[in-house]
């Protein structure tokens, strides 16, 4: 689901794939940490439109994963 979410982020916000993957991981983790279903595409798409949009606007980044 990470790759599909990252692809949506790249398409929606025109960001680099590496950055999109970090945002996707943060998005999916956030959904899970708030008790949501991180495999439900509608939930993911909604989180991308609201939460990830804010992160991109604010320049939020997450640590690179190995």
PDB file of N, CA and C in Angstrom:
ATOM      1  N   UNK A   1       0.819  -1.196   0.000  1.00  0.00           N
ATOM      2  CA  UNK A   1       0.000   0.000   0.000  1.00  0.00           C
ATOM      3  C   UNK A   1       0.870   1.269   0.000  1.00  0.00           C
ATOM      4  N   UNK A   2       2.092   1.133   0.500  1.00  0.00           N
ATOM      5  CA  UNK A   2       2.997   2.291   0.551  1.00  0.00           C
ATOM      6  C   UNK A   2       3.273   2.813  -0.854  1.00  0.00           C
ATOM      7  N   UNK A   3       3.596   1.922  -1.772  1.00  0.00           N
ATOM      8  CA  UNK A   3       3.932   2.365  -3.132  1.00  0.00           C
ATOM      9  C   UNK A   3       2.742   3.024  -3.815  1.00  0.00           C
ATOM     10  N   UNK A   4       1.568   2.458  -3.639  1.00  0.00           N
ATOM     11  CA  UNK A   4       0.364   3.026  -4.261  1.00  0.00           C
ATOM     12  C   UNK A   4       0.068   4.413  -3.667  1.00  0.00           C
ATOM     13  N   UNK A   5       0.227   4.542  -2.368  1.00  0.00           N
ATOM     14  CA  UNK A   5       0.000   5.828  -1.712  1.00  0.00           C
ATOM     15  C   UNK A   5       1.036   6.850  -2.170  1.00  0.00           C
ATOM     16  N   UNK A   6       2.278   6.427  -2.247  1.00  0.00           N
ATOM     17  CA  UNK A   6       3.345   7.325  -2.719  1.00  0.00           C
ATOM     18  C   UNK A   6       3.068   7.791  -4.146  1.00  0.00           C
ATOM     19  N   UNK A   7       2.594   6.898  -4.986  1.00  0.00           N
ATOM     20  CA  UNK A   7       2.282   7.269  -6.361  1.00  0.00           C
ATOM     21  C   UNK A   7       1.173   8.319  -6.396  1.00  0.00           C
ATOM     22  N   UNK A   8       0.158   8.146  -5.571  1.00  0.00           N
ATOM     23  CA  UNK A   8      -0.911   9.138  -5.486  1.00  0.00           C
ATOM     24  C   UNK A   8      -0.347  10.494  -5.065  1.00  0.00           C
ATOM     25  N   UNK A   9       0.552  10.481  -4.106  1.00  0.00           N
ATOM     26  CA  UNK A   9       1.152  11.724  -3.617  1.00  0.00           C
ATOM     27  C   UNK A   9       1.975  12.392  -4.711  1.00  0.00           C
ATOM     28  N   UNK A  10       2.751  11.618  -5.454  1.00  0.00           N
ATOM     29  CA  UNK A  10       3.534  12.160  -6.571  1.00  0.00           C
ATOM     30  C   UNK A  10       2.600  12.808  -7.589  1.00  0.00           C
ATOM     31  N   UNK A  11       1.550  12.101  -7.955  1.00  0.00           N
ATOM     32  CA  UNK A  11       0.616  12.616  -8.961  1.00  0.00           C
ATOM     33  C   UNK A  11      -0.120  13.859  -8.468  1.00  0.00           C
ATOM     34  N   UNK A  12      -0.528  13.851  -7.214  1.00  0.00           N
ATOM     35  CA  UNK A  12      -1.341  14.943  -6.675  1.00  0.00           C
ATOM     36  C   UNK A  12      -0.525  16.197  -6.401  1.00  0.00           C
ATOM     37  N   UNK A  13       0.701  16.031  -5.868  1.00  0.00           N
ATOM     38  CA  UNK A  13       1.465  17.183  -5.400  1.00  0.00           C
ATOM     39  C   UNK A  13       2.749  17.438  -6.186  1.00  0.00           C
ATOM     40  N   UNK A  14       3.032  16.588  -7.170  1.00  0.00           N
ATOM     41  CA  UNK A  14       4.220  16.772  -8.025  1.00  0.00           C
ATOM     42  C   UNK A  14       5.505  16.862  -7.201  1.00  0.00           C
ATOM     43  N   UNK A  15       5.648  15.931  -6.256  1.00  0.00           N
ATOM     44  CA  UNK A  15       6.852  15.866  -5.430  1.00  0.00           C
ATOM     45  C   UNK A  15       7.715  14.689  -5.898  1.00  0.00           C
ATOM     46  N   UNK A  16       8.946  14.673  -5.450  1.00  0.00           N
ATOM     47  CA  UNK A  16       9.853  13.588  -5.821  1.00  0.00           C
ATOM     48  C   UNK A  16       9.420  12.271  -5.169  1.00  0.00           C
ATOM     49  N   UNK A  17       9.652  11.161  -5.850  1.00  0.00           N
ATOM     50  CA  UNK A  17       9.219   9.860  -5.328  1.00  0.00           C
ATOM     51  C   UNK A  17       9.773   9.520  -3.947  1.00  0.00           C
ATOM     52  N   UNK A  18      11.016   9.870  -3.670  1.00  0.00           N
ATOM     53  CA  UNK A  18      11.606   9.565  -2.358  1.00  0.00           C
ATOM     54  C   UNK A  18      10.856  10.303  -1.250  1.00  0.00           C
ATOM     55  N   UNK A  19      10.569  11.570  -1.482  1.00  0.00           N
ATOM     56  CA  UNK A  19       9.808  12.374  -0.516  1.00  0.00           C
ATOM     57  C   UNK A  19       8.386  11.826  -0.380  1.00  0.00           C
ATOM     58  N   UNK A  20       7.788  11.472  -1.498  1.00  0.00           N
ATOM     59  CA  UNK A  20       6.426  10.925  -1.482  1.00  0.00           C
ATOM     60  C   UNK A  20       6.359   9.633  -0.676  1.00  0.00           C
ATOM     61  N   UNK A  21       7.391   8.811  -0.772  1.00  0.00           N
ATOM     62  CA  UNK A  21       7.391   7.554  -0.026  1.00  0.00           C
ATOM     63  C   UNK A  21       7.451   7.826   1.474  1.00  0.00           C
ATOM     64  N   UNK A  22       8.261   8.798   1.880  1.00  0.00           N
ATOM     65  CA  UNK A  22       8.319   9.145   3.306  1.00  0.00           C
ATOM     66  C   UNK A  22       6.978   9.700   3.786  1.00  0.00           C
ATOM     67  N   UNK A  23       6.352  10.517   2.962  1.00  0.00           N
ATOM     68  CA  UNK A  23       5.035  11.035   3.320  1.00  0.00           C
ATOM     69  C   UNK A  23       4.002   9.913   3.384  1.00  0.00           C
ATOM     70  N   UNK A  24       4.084   8.976   2.455  1.00  0.00           N
ATOM     71  CA  UNK A  24       3.152   7.842   2.439  1.00  0.00           C
ATOM     72  C   UNK A  24       3.295   7.012   3.709  1.00  0.00           C
ATOM     73  N   UNK A  25       4.525   6.741   4.107  1.00  0.00           N
ATOM     74  CA  UNK A  25       4.750   5.986   5.338  1.00  0.00           C
ATOM     75  C   UNK A  25       4.181   6.725   6.547  1.00  0.00           C
ATOM     76  N   UNK A  26       4.399   8.033   6.604  1.00  0.00           N
ATOM     77  CA  UNK A  26       3.852   8.830   7.698  1.00  0.00           C
ATOM     78  C   UNK A  26       2.332   8.845   7.687  1.00  0.00           C
ATOM     79  N   UNK A  27       1.767   8.930   6.503  1.00  0.00           N
ATOM     80  CA  UNK A  27       0.313   8.931   6.359  1.00  0.00           C
ATOM     81  C   UNK A  27      -0.292   7.614   6.827  1.00  0.00           C
ATOM     82  N   UNK A  28       0.258   6.520   6.358  1.00  0.00           N
ATOM     83  CA  UNK A  28      -0.271   5.205   6.736  1.00  0.00           C
ATOM     84  C   UNK A  28      -0.081   4.943   8.227  1.00  0.00           C
ATOM     85  N   UNK A  29       1.064   5.358   8.764  1.00  0.00           N
ATOM     86  CA  UNK A  29       1.303   5.205  10.199  1.00  0.00           C
ATOM     87  C   UNK A  29       0.299   6.039  10.992  1.00  0.00           C
ATOM     88  N   UNK A  30       0.038   7.242  10.522  1.00  0.00           N
ATOM     89  CA  UNK A  30      -0.924   8.109  11.198  1.00  0.00           C
ATOM     90  C   UNK A  30      -2.328   7.532  11.196  1.00  0.00           C
ATOM     91  N   UNK A  31      -2.721   6.964  10.069  1.00  0.00           N
ATOM     92  CA  UNK A  31      -4.036   6.336   9.990  1.00  0.00           C
ATOM     93  C   UNK A  31      -4.143   5.222  11.026  1.00  0.00           C
ATOM     94  N   UNK A  32      -3.121   4.364  11.077  1.00  0.00           N
ATOM     95  CA  UNK A  32      -3.123   3.256  12.040  1.00  0.00           C
ATOM     96  C   UNK A  32      -3.102   3.757  13.477  1.00  0.00           C
ATOM     97  N   UNK A  33      -2.291   4.767  13.743  1.00  0.00           N
ATOM     98  CA  UNK A  33      -2.160   5.242  15.119  1.00  0.00           C
ATOM     99  C   UNK A  33      -3.442   5.893  15.635  1.00  0.00           C
ATOM    100  N   UNK A  34      -4.307   6.297  14.716  1.00  0.00           N
ATOM    101  CA  UNK A  34      -5.590   6.881  15.113  1.00  0.00           C
ATOM    102  C   UNK A  34      -6.726   5.870  15.005  1.00  0.00           C
ATOM    103  N   UNK A  35      -6.354   4.586  14.869  1.00  0.00           N
ATOM    104  CA  UNK A  35      -7.354   3.525  14.871  1.00  0.00           C
ATOM    105  C   UNK A  35      -8.025   3.285  13.530  1.00  0.00           C
ATOM    106  N   UNK A  36      -7.483   3.873  12.470  1.00  0.00           N
ATOM    107  CA  UNK A  36      -8.062   3.687  11.141  1.00  0.00           C
ATOM    108  C   UNK A  36      -7.514   2.457  10.441  1.00  0.00           C
ATOM    109  N   UNK A  37      -8.077   2.172   9.304  1.00  0.00           N
ATOM    110  CA  UNK A  37      -7.676   1.023   8.494  1.00  0.00           C
ATOM    111  C   UNK A  37      -6.747   1.502   7.389  1.00  0.00           C
ATOM    112  N   UNK A  38      -5.462   1.220   7.547  1.00  0.00           N
ATOM    113  CA  UNK A  38      -4.476   1.693   6.580  1.00  0.00           C
ATOM    114  C   UNK A  38      -4.458   0.865   5.299  1.00  0.00           C
ATOM    115  N   UNK A  39      -5.413  -0.023   5.138  1.00  0.00           N
ATOM    116  CA  UNK A  39      -5.536  -0.758   3.882  1.00  0.00           C
ATOM    117  C   UNK A  39      -6.781  -0.330   3.104  1.00  0.00           C
ATOM    118  N   UNK A  40      -7.561   0.574   3.688  1.00  0.00           N
ATOM    119  CA  UNK A  40      -8.776   1.061   3.030  1.00  0.00           C
ATOM    120  C   UNK A  40      -8.417   2.250   2.141  1.00  0.00           C
ATOM    121  N   UNK A  41      -8.566   2.062   0.818  1.00  0.00           N
ATOM    122  CA  UNK A  41      -8.115   3.078  -0.126  1.00  0.00           C
ATOM    123  C   UNK A  41      -8.860   4.401   0.053  1.00  0.00           C
ATOM    124  N   UNK A  42     -10.124   4.374   0.360  1.00  0.00           N
ATOM    125  CA  UNK A  42     -10.876   5.619   0.547  1.00  0.00           C
ATOM    126  C   UNK A  42     -10.321   6.408   1.740  1.00  0.00           C
ATOM    127  N   UNK A  43     -10.008   5.706   2.815  1.00  0.00           N
ATOM    128  CA  UNK A  43      -9.413   6.351   3.989  1.00  0.00           C
ATOM    129  C   UNK A  43      -8.067   6.965   3.629  1.00  0.00           C
ATOM    130  N   UNK A  44      -7.265   6.209   2.899  1.00  0.00           N
ATOM    131  CA  UNK A  44      -5.939   6.691   2.506  1.00  0.00           C
ATOM    132  C   UNK A  44      -6.054   7.922   1.613  1.00  0.00           C
ATOM    133  N   UNK A  45      -6.903   7.843   0.600  1.00  0.00           N
ATOM    134  CA  UNK A  45      -7.063   8.966  -0.329  1.00  0.00           C
ATOM    135  C   UNK A  45      -7.537  10.219   0.401  1.00  0.00           C
ATOM    136  N   UNK A  46      -8.445  10.060   1.357  1.00  0.00           N
ATOM    137  CA  UNK A  46      -8.916  11.200   2.139  1.00  0.00           C
ATOM    138  C   UNK A  46      -7.791  11.786   2.988  1.00  0.00           C
ATOM    139  N   UNK A  47      -6.987  10.933   3.596  1.00  0.00           N
ATOM    140  CA  UNK A  47      -5.863  11.412   4.407  1.00  0.00           C
ATOM    141  C   UNK A  47      -4.838  12.143   3.542  1.00  0.00           C
ATOM    142  N   UNK A  48      -4.611  11.648   2.350  1.00  0.00           N
ATOM    143  CA  UNK A  48      -3.683  12.319   1.433  1.00  0.00           C
ATOM    144  C   UNK A  48      -4.204  13.715   1.102  1.00  0.00           C
ATOM    145  N   UNK A  49      -5.472  13.813   0.794  1.00  0.00           N
ATOM    146  CA  UNK A  49      -6.055  15.104   0.408  1.00  0.00           C
ATOM    147  C   UNK A  49      -6.047  16.124   1.536  1.00  0.00           C
ATOM    148  N   UNK A  50      -6.152  15.661   2.775  1.00  0.00           N
ATOM    149  CA  UNK A  50      -6.225  16.593   3.903  1.00  0.00           C
ATOM    150  C   UNK A  50      -4.882  16.711   4.619  1.00  0.00           C
ATOM    151  N   UNK A  51      -4.394  15.601   5.131  1.00  0.00           N
ATOM    152  CA  UNK A  51      -3.202  15.628   5.981  1.00  0.00           C
ATOM    153  C   UNK A  51      -1.928  15.822   5.167  1.00  0.00           C
ATOM    154  N   UNK A  52      -1.749  15.014   4.143  1.00  0.00           N
ATOM    155  CA  UNK A  52      -0.519  15.128   3.348  1.00  0.00           C
ATOM    156  C   UNK A  52      -0.465  16.476   2.639  1.00  0.00           C
ATOM    157  N   UNK A  53      -1.613  16.981   2.210  1.00  0.00           N
ATOM    158  CA  UNK A  53      -1.633  18.306   1.583  1.00  0.00           C
ATOM    159  C   UNK A  53      -1.054  19.355   2.529  1.00  0.00           C
ATOM    160  N   UNK A  54      -1.405  19.271   3.809  1.00  0.00           N
ATOM    161  CA  UNK A  54      -0.882  20.216   4.800  1.00  0.00           C
ATOM    162  C   UNK A  54       0.618  20.017   4.998  1.00  0.00           C
ATOM    163  N   UNK A  55       1.049  18.753   5.050  1.00  0.00           N
ATOM    164  CA  UNK A  55       2.479  18.481   5.212  1.00  0.00           C
ATOM    165  C   UNK A  55       3.278  19.056   4.051  1.00  0.00           C
ATOM    166  N   UNK A  56       2.789  18.861   2.847  1.00  0.00           N
ATOM    167  CA  UNK A  56       3.493  19.378   1.670  1.00  0.00           C
ATOM    168  C   UNK A  56       3.534  20.898   1.725  1.00  0.00           C
ATOM    169  N   UNK A  57       2.421  21.511   2.048  1.00  0.00           N
ATOM    170  CA  UNK A  57       2.358  22.973   2.125  1.00  0.00           C
ATOM    171  C   UNK A  57       3.338  23.508   3.166  1.00  0.00           C
ATOM    172  N   UNK A  58       3.462  22.801   4.290  1.00  0.00           N
ATOM    173  CA  UNK A  58       4.334  23.249   5.384  1.00  0.00           C
ATOM    174  C   UNK A  58       5.780  22.790   5.226  1.00  0.00           C
ATOM    175  N   UNK A  59       6.050  21.946   4.234  1.00  0.00           N
ATOM    176  CA  UNK A  59       7.405  21.441   4.052  1.00  0.00           C
ATOM    177  C   UNK A  59       7.793  20.366   5.058  1.00  0.00           C
ATOM    178  N   UNK A  60       6.798  19.716   5.660  1.00  0.00           N
ATOM    179  CA  UNK A  60       7.071  18.667   6.631  1.00  0.00           C
ATOM    180  C   UNK A  60       7.796  17.518   5.959  1.00  0.00           C
ATOM    181  N   UNK A  61       8.776  16.984   6.649  1.00  0.00           N
ATOM    182  CA  UNK A  61       9.508  15.831   6.137  1.00  0.00           C
ATOM    183  C   UNK A  61       9.652  14.813   7.258  1.00  0.00           C
ATOM    184  N   UNK A  62       9.973  13.605   6.877  1.00  0.00           N
ATOM    185  CA  UNK A  62      10.165  12.513   7.818  1.00  0.00           C
ATOM    186  C   UNK A  62      11.563  11.955   7.582  1.00  0.00           C
ATOM    187  N   UNK A  63      12.152  11.371   8.619  1.00  0.00           N
ATOM    188  CA  UNK A  63      13.490  10.794   8.447  1.00  0.00           C
ATOM    189  C   UNK A  63      13.505   9.738   7.343  1.00  0.00           C
ATOM    190  N   UNK A  64      14.610   9.710   6.638  1.00  0.00           N
ATOM    191  CA  UNK A  64      14.757   8.675   5.599  1.00  0.00           C
ATOM    192  C   UNK A  64      14.897   7.323   6.259  1.00  0.00           C
ATOM    193  N   UNK A  65      14.250   6.351   5.657  1.00  0.00           N
ATOM    194  CA  UNK A  65      14.344   4.987   6.190  1.00  0.00           C
ATOM    195  C   UNK A  65      15.448   4.258   5.439  1.00  0.00           C
ATOM    196  N   UNK A  66      16.105   3.338   6.134  1.00  0.00           N
ATOM    197  CA  UNK A  66      17.206   2.609   5.475  1.00  0.00           C
ATOM    198  C   UNK A  66      16.736   1.749   4.332  1.00  0.00           C
TER     199      UNK A  66
END
